[in-house]
Amino acid sequence: MATPSDERTFQVVAWLADRRLVLYVPEIEAATSVTGMPEADAAARTLIAELTGLDEAVVRCEIRVGRAPGSIDRLPRT
């Protein structure tokens, strides 16, 4: 059983695209998508566990709504 000291927290950025919620984990440069926020935490934890080999029970996610990396809104204005 995982203990709080075993937990690992990942930052997750979420944004809407094509009627889906994209979840991007910058630390592992990976993304997935879901239909809505209720399934976001579970989907992000599963993605992280599959790609890092960590047990899903020790993965924690801090999900924030933001802009897509490299989106046009982030370009310098001229």
PDB file of N, CA and C in Angstrom:
ATOM      1  N   MET A   1       0.845  -1.187   0.000  1.00  0.00           N
ATOM      2  CA  MET A   1       0.000   0.000   0.000  1.00  0.00           C
ATOM      3  C   MET A   1       0.889   1.247   0.000  1.00  0.00           C
ATOM      4  N   ALA A   2       0.509   2.218  -0.793  1.00  0.00           N
ATOM      5  CA  ALA A   2       1.288   3.447  -0.915  1.00  0.00           C
ATOM      6  C   ALA A   2       1.078   4.328   0.309  1.00  0.00           C
ATOM      7  N   THR A   3       2.141   4.980   0.738  1.00  0.00           N
ATOM      8  CA  THR A   3       2.057   5.918   1.846  1.00  0.00           C
ATOM      9  C   THR A   3       2.206   7.331   1.298  1.00  0.00           C
ATOM     10  N   PRO A   4       1.802   8.340   2.083  1.00  0.00           N
ATOM     11  CA  PRO A   4       1.931   9.715   1.595  1.00  0.00           C
ATOM     12  C   PRO A   4       3.362  10.077   1.176  1.00  0.00           C
ATOM     13  N   SER A   5       4.365   9.466   1.808  1.00  0.00           N
ATOM     14  CA  SER A   5       5.742   9.785   1.431  1.00  0.00           C
ATOM     15  C   SER A   5       6.117   9.195   0.075  1.00  0.00           C
ATOM     16  N   ASP A   6       5.350   8.197  -0.387  1.00  0.00           N
ATOM     17  CA  ASP A   6       5.592   7.600  -1.697  1.00  0.00           C
ATOM     18  C   ASP A   6       4.964   8.413  -2.830  1.00  0.00           C
ATOM     19  N   GLU A   7       4.039   9.309  -2.494  1.00  0.00           N
ATOM     20  CA  GLU A   7       3.289  10.044  -3.507  1.00  0.00           C
ATOM     21  C   GLU A   7       4.191  10.947  -4.335  1.00  0.00           C
ATOM     22  N   ARG A   8       3.828  11.082  -5.587  1.00  0.00           N
ATOM     23  CA  ARG A   8       4.544  11.955  -6.530  1.00  0.00           C
ATOM     24  C   ARG A   8       3.502  12.828  -7.210  1.00  0.00           C
ATOM     25  N   THR A   9       3.693  14.135  -7.177  1.00  0.00           N
ATOM     26  CA  THR A   9       2.728  15.078  -7.747  1.00  0.00           C
ATOM     27  C   THR A   9       3.222  15.594  -9.085  1.00  0.00           C
ATOM     28  N   PHE A  10       2.316  15.598 -10.055  1.00  0.00           N
ATOM     29  CA  PHE A  10       2.598  16.091 -11.401  1.00  0.00           C
ATOM     30  C   PHE A  10       1.670  17.254 -11.712  1.00  0.00           C
ATOM     31  N   GLN A  11       2.207  18.268 -12.377  1.00  0.00           N
ATOM     32  CA  GLN A  11       1.395  19.383 -12.862  1.00  0.00           C
ATOM     33  C   GLN A  11       0.750  18.956 -14.181  1.00  0.00           C
ATOM     34  N   VAL A  12      -0.518  19.270 -14.348  1.00  0.00           N
ATOM     35  CA  VAL A  12      -1.254  18.941 -15.569  1.00  0.00           C
ATOM     36  C   VAL A  12      -1.952  20.212 -16.043  1.00  0.00           C
ATOM     37  N   VAL A  13      -1.773  20.548 -17.312  1.00  0.00           N
ATOM     38  CA  VAL A  13      -2.444  21.712 -17.902  1.00  0.00           C
ATOM     39  C   VAL A  13      -3.586  21.187 -18.765  1.00  0.00           C
ATOM     40  N   ALA A  14      -4.758  21.769 -18.603  1.00  0.00           N
ATOM     41  CA  ALA A  14      -5.943  21.338 -19.348  1.00  0.00           C
ATOM     42  C   ALA A  14      -6.487  22.493 -20.183  1.00  0.00           C
ATOM     43  N   TRP A  15      -6.953  22.166 -21.395  1.00  0.00           N
ATOM     44  CA  TRP A  15      -7.606  23.164 -22.236  1.00  0.00           C
ATOM     45  C   TRP A  15      -8.588  22.457 -23.163  1.00  0.00           C
ATOM     46  N   LEU A  16      -9.557  23.217 -23.644  1.00  0.00           N
ATOM     47  CA  LEU A  16     -10.562  22.669 -24.555  1.00  0.00           C
ATOM     48  C   LEU A  16     -10.063  22.718 -25.989  1.00  0.00           C
ATOM     49  N   ALA A  17     -10.304  21.625 -26.716  1.00  0.00           N
ATOM     50  CA  ALA A  17      -9.962  21.551 -28.132  1.00  0.00           C
ATOM     51  C   ALA A  17     -10.882  20.540 -28.789  1.00  0.00           C
ATOM     52  N   ASP A  18     -11.552  20.945 -29.828  1.00  0.00           N
ATOM     53  CA  ASP A  18     -12.432  20.052 -30.584  1.00  0.00           C
ATOM     54  C   ASP A  18     -13.399  19.280 -29.687  1.00  0.00           C
ATOM     55  N   ARG A  19     -14.067  20.006 -28.792  1.00  0.00           N
ATOM     56  CA  ARG A  19     -15.088  19.432 -27.904  1.00  0.00           C
ATOM     57  C   ARG A  19     -14.549  18.414 -26.906  1.00  0.00           C
ATOM     58  N   ARG A  20     -13.255  18.431 -26.679  1.00  0.00           N
ATOM     59  CA  ARG A  20     -12.638  17.541 -25.694  1.00  0.00           C
ATOM     60  C   ARG A  20     -11.730  18.363 -24.792  1.00  0.00           C
ATOM     61  N   LEU A  21     -11.424  17.815 -23.660  1.00  0.00           N
ATOM     62  CA  LEU A  21     -10.515  18.443 -22.721  1.00  0.00           C
ATOM     63  C   LEU A  21      -9.157  17.763 -22.865  1.00  0.00           C
ATOM     64  N   VAL A  22      -8.174  18.514 -23.327  1.00  0.00           N
ATOM     65  CA  VAL A  22      -6.823  17.985 -23.496  1.00  0.00           C
ATOM     66  C   VAL A  22      -6.094  18.125 -22.170  1.00  0.00           C
ATOM     67  N   LEU A  23      -5.392  17.075 -21.782  1.00  0.00           N
ATOM     68  CA  LEU A  23      -4.608  17.077 -20.545  1.00  0.00           C
ATOM     69  C   LEU A  23      -3.151  16.883 -20.924  1.00  0.00           C
ATOM     70  N   TYR A  24      -2.318  17.864 -20.595  1.00  0.00           N
ATOM     71  CA  TYR A  24      -0.901  17.810 -20.956  1.00  0.00           C
ATOM     72  C   TYR A  24      -0.059  17.798 -19.679  1.00  0.00           C
ATOM     73  N   VAL A  25       0.879  16.865 -19.613  1.00  0.00           N
ATOM     74  CA  VAL A  25       1.767  16.736 -18.461  1.00  0.00           C
ATOM     75  C   VAL A  25       3.164  17.192 -18.913  1.00  0.00           C
ATOM     76  N   PRO A  26       3.531  18.429 -18.620  1.00  0.00           N
ATOM     77  CA  PRO A  26       4.811  18.959 -19.109  1.00  0.00           C
ATOM     78  C   PRO A  26       6.028  18.139 -18.685  1.00  0.00           C
ATOM     79  N   GLU A  27       6.031  17.621 -17.482  1.00  0.00           N
ATOM     80  CA  GLU A  27       7.200  16.898 -16.976  1.00  0.00           C
ATOM     81  C   GLU A  27       7.566  15.685 -17.823  1.00  0.00           C
ATOM     82  N   ILE A  28       6.558  15.042 -18.406  1.00  0.00           N
ATOM     83  CA  ILE A  28       6.835  13.865 -19.238  1.00  0.00           C
ATOM     84  C   ILE A  28       6.497  14.122 -20.702  1.00  0.00           C
ATOM     85  N   GLU A  29       6.136  15.357 -21.019  1.00  0.00           N
ATOM     86  CA  GLU A  29       5.808  15.762 -22.386  1.00  0.00           C
ATOM     87  C   GLU A  29       4.839  14.798 -23.051  1.00  0.00           C
ATOM     88  N   ALA A  30       3.711  14.571 -22.372  1.00  0.00           N
ATOM     89  CA  ALA A  30       2.697  13.651 -22.886  1.00  0.00           C
ATOM     90  C   ALA A  30       1.318  14.245 -22.667  1.00  0.00           C
ATOM     91  N   ALA A  31       0.388  13.830 -23.520  1.00  0.00           N
ATOM     92  CA  ALA A  31      -0.975  14.350 -23.428  1.00  0.00           C
ATOM     93  C   ALA A  31      -1.985  13.247 -23.701  1.00  0.00           C
ATOM     94  N   THR A  32      -3.183  13.476 -23.214  1.00  0.00           N
ATOM     95  CA  THR A  32      -4.328  12.631 -23.498  1.00  0.00           C
ATOM     96  C   THR A  32      -5.539  13.555 -23.520  1.00  0.00           C
ATOM     97  N   SER A  33      -6.694  13.023 -23.838  1.00  0.00           N
ATOM     98  CA  SER A  33      -7.896  13.858 -23.817  1.00  0.00           C
ATOM     99  C   SER A  33      -9.061  13.064 -23.253  1.00  0.00           C
ATOM    100  N   VAL A  34     -10.017  13.801 -22.719  1.00  0.00           N
ATOM    101  CA  VAL A  34     -11.227  13.223 -22.132  1.00  0.00           C
ATOM    102  C   VAL A  34     -12.411  14.079 -22.555  1.00  0.00           C
ATOM    103  N   THR A  35     -13.605  13.591 -22.297  1.00  0.00           N
ATOM    104  CA  THR A  35     -14.790  14.365 -22.674  1.00  0.00           C
ATOM    105  C   THR A  35     -15.128  15.450 -21.665  1.00  0.00           C
ATOM    106  N   GLY A  36     -14.638  15.335 -20.446  1.00  0.00           N
ATOM    107  CA  GLY A  36     -14.938  16.352 -19.447  1.00  0.00           C
ATOM    108  C   GLY A  36     -14.094  16.235 -18.205  1.00  0.00           C
ATOM    109  N   MET A  37     -14.209  17.218 -17.337  1.00  0.00           N
ATOM    110  CA  MET A  37     -13.396  17.291 -16.127  1.00  0.00           C
ATOM    111  C   MET A  37     -13.613  16.124 -15.155  1.00  0.00           C
ATOM    112  N   PRO A  38     -14.804  15.522 -15.071  1.00  0.00           N
ATOM    113  CA  PRO A  38     -14.963  14.420 -14.115  1.00  0.00           C
ATOM    114  C   PRO A  38     -13.982  13.264 -14.318  1.00  0.00           C
ATOM    115  N   GLU A  39     -13.589  12.999 -15.548  1.00  0.00           N
ATOM    116  CA  GLU A  39     -12.655  11.886 -15.760  1.00  0.00           C
ATOM    117  C   GLU A  39     -11.208  12.349 -15.929  1.00  0.00           C
ATOM    118  N   ALA A  40     -10.930  13.622 -15.763  1.00  0.00           N
ATOM    119  CA  ALA A  40      -9.590  14.167 -16.000  1.00  0.00           C
ATOM    120  C   ALA A  40      -8.534  13.598 -15.055  1.00  0.00           C
ATOM    121  N   ASP A  41      -8.806  13.559 -13.770  1.00  0.00           N
ATOM    122  CA  ASP A  41      -7.803  13.092 -12.822  1.00  0.00           C
ATOM    123  C   ASP A  41      -7.423  11.636 -13.087  1.00  0.00           C
ATOM    124  N   ALA A  42      -8.402  10.788 -13.259  1.00  0.00           N
ATOM    125  CA  ALA A  42      -8.122   9.366 -13.503  1.00  0.00           C
ATOM    126  C   ALA A  42      -7.353   9.172 -14.810  1.00  0.00           C
ATOM    127  N   ALA A  43      -7.723   9.896 -15.847  1.00  0.00           N
ATOM    128  CA  ALA A  43      -7.035   9.760 -17.141  1.00  0.00           C
ATOM    129  C   ALA A  43      -5.592  10.236 -17.052  1.00  0.00           C
ATOM    130  N   ALA A  44      -5.373  11.343 -16.361  1.00  0.00           N
ATOM    131  CA  ALA A  44      -4.005  11.863 -16.218  1.00  0.00           C
ATOM    132  C   ALA A  44      -3.152  10.901 -15.392  1.00  0.00           C
ATOM    133  N   ARG A  45      -3.695  10.373 -14.299  1.00  0.00           N
ATOM    134  CA  ARG A  45      -2.947   9.424 -13.475  1.00  0.00           C
ATOM    135  C   ARG A  45      -2.597   8.166 -14.254  1.00  0.00           C
ATOM    136  N   THR A  46      -3.533   7.659 -15.051  1.00  0.00           N
ATOM    137  CA  THR A  46      -3.284   6.469 -15.860  1.00  0.00           C
ATOM    138  C   THR A  46      -2.184   6.734 -16.883  1.00  0.00           C
ATOM    139  N   LEU A  47      -2.255   7.865 -17.570  1.00  0.00           N
ATOM    140  CA  LEU A  47      -1.229   8.232 -18.550  1.00  0.00           C
ATOM    141  C   LEU A  47       0.148   8.284 -17.898  1.00  0.00           C
ATOM    142  N   ILE A  48       0.240   8.967 -16.780  1.00  0.00           N
ATOM    143  CA  ILE A  48       1.520   9.118 -16.088  1.00  0.00           C
ATOM    144  C   ILE A  48       2.054   7.760 -15.639  1.00  0.00           C
ATOM    145  N   ALA A  49       1.189   6.943 -15.065  1.00  0.00           N
ATOM    146  CA  ALA A  49       1.611   5.621 -14.585  1.00  0.00           C
ATOM    147  C   ALA A  49       2.116   4.751 -15.734  1.00  0.00           C
ATOM    148  N   GLU A  50       1.401   4.773 -16.854  1.00  0.00           N
ATOM    149  CA  GLU A  50       1.809   3.951 -17.995  1.00  0.00           C
ATOM    150  C   GLU A  50       3.152   4.381 -18.570  1.00  0.00           C
ATOM    151  N   LEU A  51       3.401   5.690 -18.612  1.00  0.00           N
ATOM    152  CA  LEU A  51       4.626   6.172 -19.238  1.00  0.00           C
ATOM    153  C   LEU A  51       5.841   6.239 -18.306  1.00  0.00           C
ATOM    154  N   THR A  52       5.600   6.276 -17.002  1.00  0.00           N
ATOM    155  CA  THR A  52       6.719   6.378 -16.056  1.00  0.00           C
ATOM    156  C   THR A  52       7.002   5.070 -15.332  1.00  0.00           C
ATOM    157  N   GLY A  53       6.041   4.161 -15.343  1.00  0.00           N
ATOM    158  CA  GLY A  53       6.209   2.919 -14.598  1.00  0.00           C
ATOM    159  C   GLY A  53       5.847   3.053 -13.124  1.00  0.00           C
ATOM    160  N   LEU A  54       5.409   4.239 -12.715  1.00  0.00           N
ATOM    161  CA  LEU A  54       4.979   4.429 -11.331  1.00  0.00           C
ATOM    162  C   LEU A  54       3.649   3.718 -11.095  1.00  0.00           C
ATOM    163  N   ASP A  55       3.413   3.328  -9.863  1.00  0.00           N
ATOM    164  CA  ASP A  55       2.124   2.760  -9.481  1.00  0.00           C
ATOM    165  C   ASP A  55       1.104   3.902  -9.484  1.00  0.00           C
ATOM    166  N   GLU A  56      -0.047   3.670 -10.078  1.00  0.00           N
ATOM    167  CA  GLU A  56      -1.085   4.708 -10.141  1.00  0.00           C
ATOM    168  C   GLU A  56      -1.478   5.224  -8.760  1.00  0.00           C
ATOM    169  N   ALA A  57      -1.351   4.383  -7.754  1.00  0.00           N
ATOM    170  CA  ALA A  57      -1.729   4.761  -6.389  1.00  0.00           C
ATOM    171  C   ALA A  57      -0.845   5.861  -5.811  1.00  0.00           C
ATOM    172  N   VAL A  58       0.369   6.037  -6.328  1.00  0.00           N
ATOM    173  CA  VAL A  58       1.267   7.064  -5.792  1.00  0.00           C
ATOM    174  C   VAL A  58       1.274   8.334  -6.635  1.00  0.00           C
ATOM    175  N   VAL A  59       0.562   8.322  -7.745  1.00  0.00           N
ATOM    176  CA  VAL A  59       0.527   9.485  -8.642  1.00  0.00           C
ATOM    177  C   VAL A  59      -0.579  10.442  -8.213  1.00  0.00           C
ATOM    178  N   ARG A  60      -0.207  11.692  -8.029  1.00  0.00           N
ATOM    179  CA  ARG A  60      -1.160  12.759  -7.728  1.00  0.00           C
ATOM    180  C   ARG A  60      -1.049  13.793  -8.833  1.00  0.00           C
ATOM    181  N   CYS A  61      -2.177  14.426  -9.171  1.00  0.00           N
ATOM    182  CA  CYS A  61      -2.194  15.427 -10.240  1.00  0.00           C
ATOM    183  C   CYS A  61      -2.747  16.749  -9.733  1.00  0.00           C
ATOM    184  N   GLU A  62      -2.090  17.813 -10.104  1.00  0.00           N
ATOM    185  CA  GLU A  62      -2.604  19.157  -9.880  1.00  0.00           C
ATOM    186  C   GLU A  62      -2.995  19.684 -11.248  1.00  0.00           C
ATOM    187  N   ILE A  63      -4.291  19.682 -11.505  1.00  0.00           N
ATOM    188  CA  ILE A  63      -4.803  20.077 -12.820  1.00  0.00           C
ATOM    189  C   ILE A  63      -5.206  21.544 -12.790  1.00  0.00           C
ATOM    190  N   ARG A  64      -4.696  22.286 -13.763  1.00  0.00           N
ATOM    191  CA  ARG A  64      -5.093  23.694 -13.895  1.00  0.00           C
ATOM    192  C   ARG A  64      -5.511  23.938 -15.339  1.00  0.00           C
ATOM    193  N   VAL A  65      -6.468  24.804 -15.495  1.00  0.00           N
ATOM    194  CA  VAL A  65      -6.921  25.168 -16.834  1.00  0.00           C
ATOM    195  C   VAL A  65      -5.981  26.251 -17.345  1.00  0.00           C
ATOM    196  N   GLY A  66      -5.491  26.055 -18.560  1.00  0.00           N
ATOM    197  CA  GLY A  66      -4.559  27.013 -19.138  1.00  0.00           C
ATOM    198  C   GLY A  66      -4.654  27.013 -20.642  1.00  0.00           C
ATOM    199  N   ARG A  67      -3.608  27.497 -21.270  1.00  0.00           N
ATOM    200  CA  ARG A  67      -3.543  27.566 -22.730  1.00  0.00           C
ATOM    201  C   ARG A  67      -2.659  26.451 -23.250  1.00  0.00           C
ATOM    202  N   ALA A  68      -2.947  26.044 -24.444  1.00  0.00           N
ATOM    203  CA  ALA A  68      -2.144  25.016 -25.097  1.00  0.00           C
ATOM    204  C   ALA A  68      -0.713  25.505 -25.261  1.00  0.00           C
ATOM    205  N   PRO A  69       0.278  24.650 -24.983  1.00  0.00           N
ATOM    206  CA  PRO A  69       1.670  25.062 -25.203  1.00  0.00           C
ATOM    207  C   PRO A  69       1.876  25.483 -26.660  1.00  0.00           C
ATOM    208  N   GLY A  70       2.526  26.611 -26.848  1.00  0.00           N
ATOM    209  CA  GLY A  70       2.800  27.094 -28.196  1.00  0.00           C
ATOM    210  C   GLY A  70       1.602  27.711 -28.894  1.00  0.00           C
ATOM    211  N   SER A  71       0.526  27.956 -28.147  1.00  0.00           N
ATOM    212  CA  SER A  71      -0.660  28.527 -28.791  1.00  0.00           C
ATOM    213  C   SER A  71      -0.364  29.937 -29.285  1.00  0.00           C
ATOM    214  N   ILE A  72      -1.133  30.392 -30.226  1.00  0.00           N
ATOM    215  CA  ILE A  72      -0.918  31.698 -30.848  1.00  0.00           C
ATOM    216  C   ILE A  72      -1.003  32.822 -29.826  1.00  0.00           C
ATOM    217  N   ASP A  73      -1.791  32.624 -28.765  1.00  0.00           N
ATOM    218  CA  ASP A  73      -1.928  33.651 -27.740  1.00  0.00           C
ATOM    219  C   ASP A  73      -0.626  33.889 -26.987  1.00  0.00           C
ATOM    220  N   ARG A  74       0.330  32.984 -27.104  1.00  0.00           N
ATOM    221  CA  ARG A  74       1.578  33.121 -26.358  1.00  0.00           C
ATOM    222  C   ARG A  74       2.673  33.774 -27.204  1.00  0.00           C
ATOM    223  N   LEU A  75       2.389  34.064 -28.453  1.00  0.00           N
ATOM    224  CA  LEU A  75       3.386  34.708 -29.296  1.00  0.00           C
ATOM    225  C   LEU A  75       3.500  36.180 -28.921  1.00  0.00           C
ATOM    226  N   PRO A  76       4.694  36.745 -29.044  1.00  0.00           N
ATOM    227  CA  PRO A  76       4.852  38.171 -28.749  1.00  0.00           C
ATOM    228  C   PRO A  76       4.012  39.012 -29.701  1.00  0.00           C
ATOM    229  N   ARG A  77       3.462  40.050 -29.181  1.00  0.00           N
ATOM    230  CA  ARG A  77       2.657  40.965 -30.004  1.00  0.00           C
ATOM    231  C   ARG A  77       3.579  41.992 -30.668  1.00  0.00           C
ATOM    232  N   THR A  78       3.275  42.296 -31.918  1.00  0.00           N
ATOM    233  CA  THR A  78       4.092  43.286 -32.625  1.00  0.00           C
ATOM    234  C   THR A  78       3.269  44.487 -33.014  1.00  0.00           C
TER     235      THR A  78
END
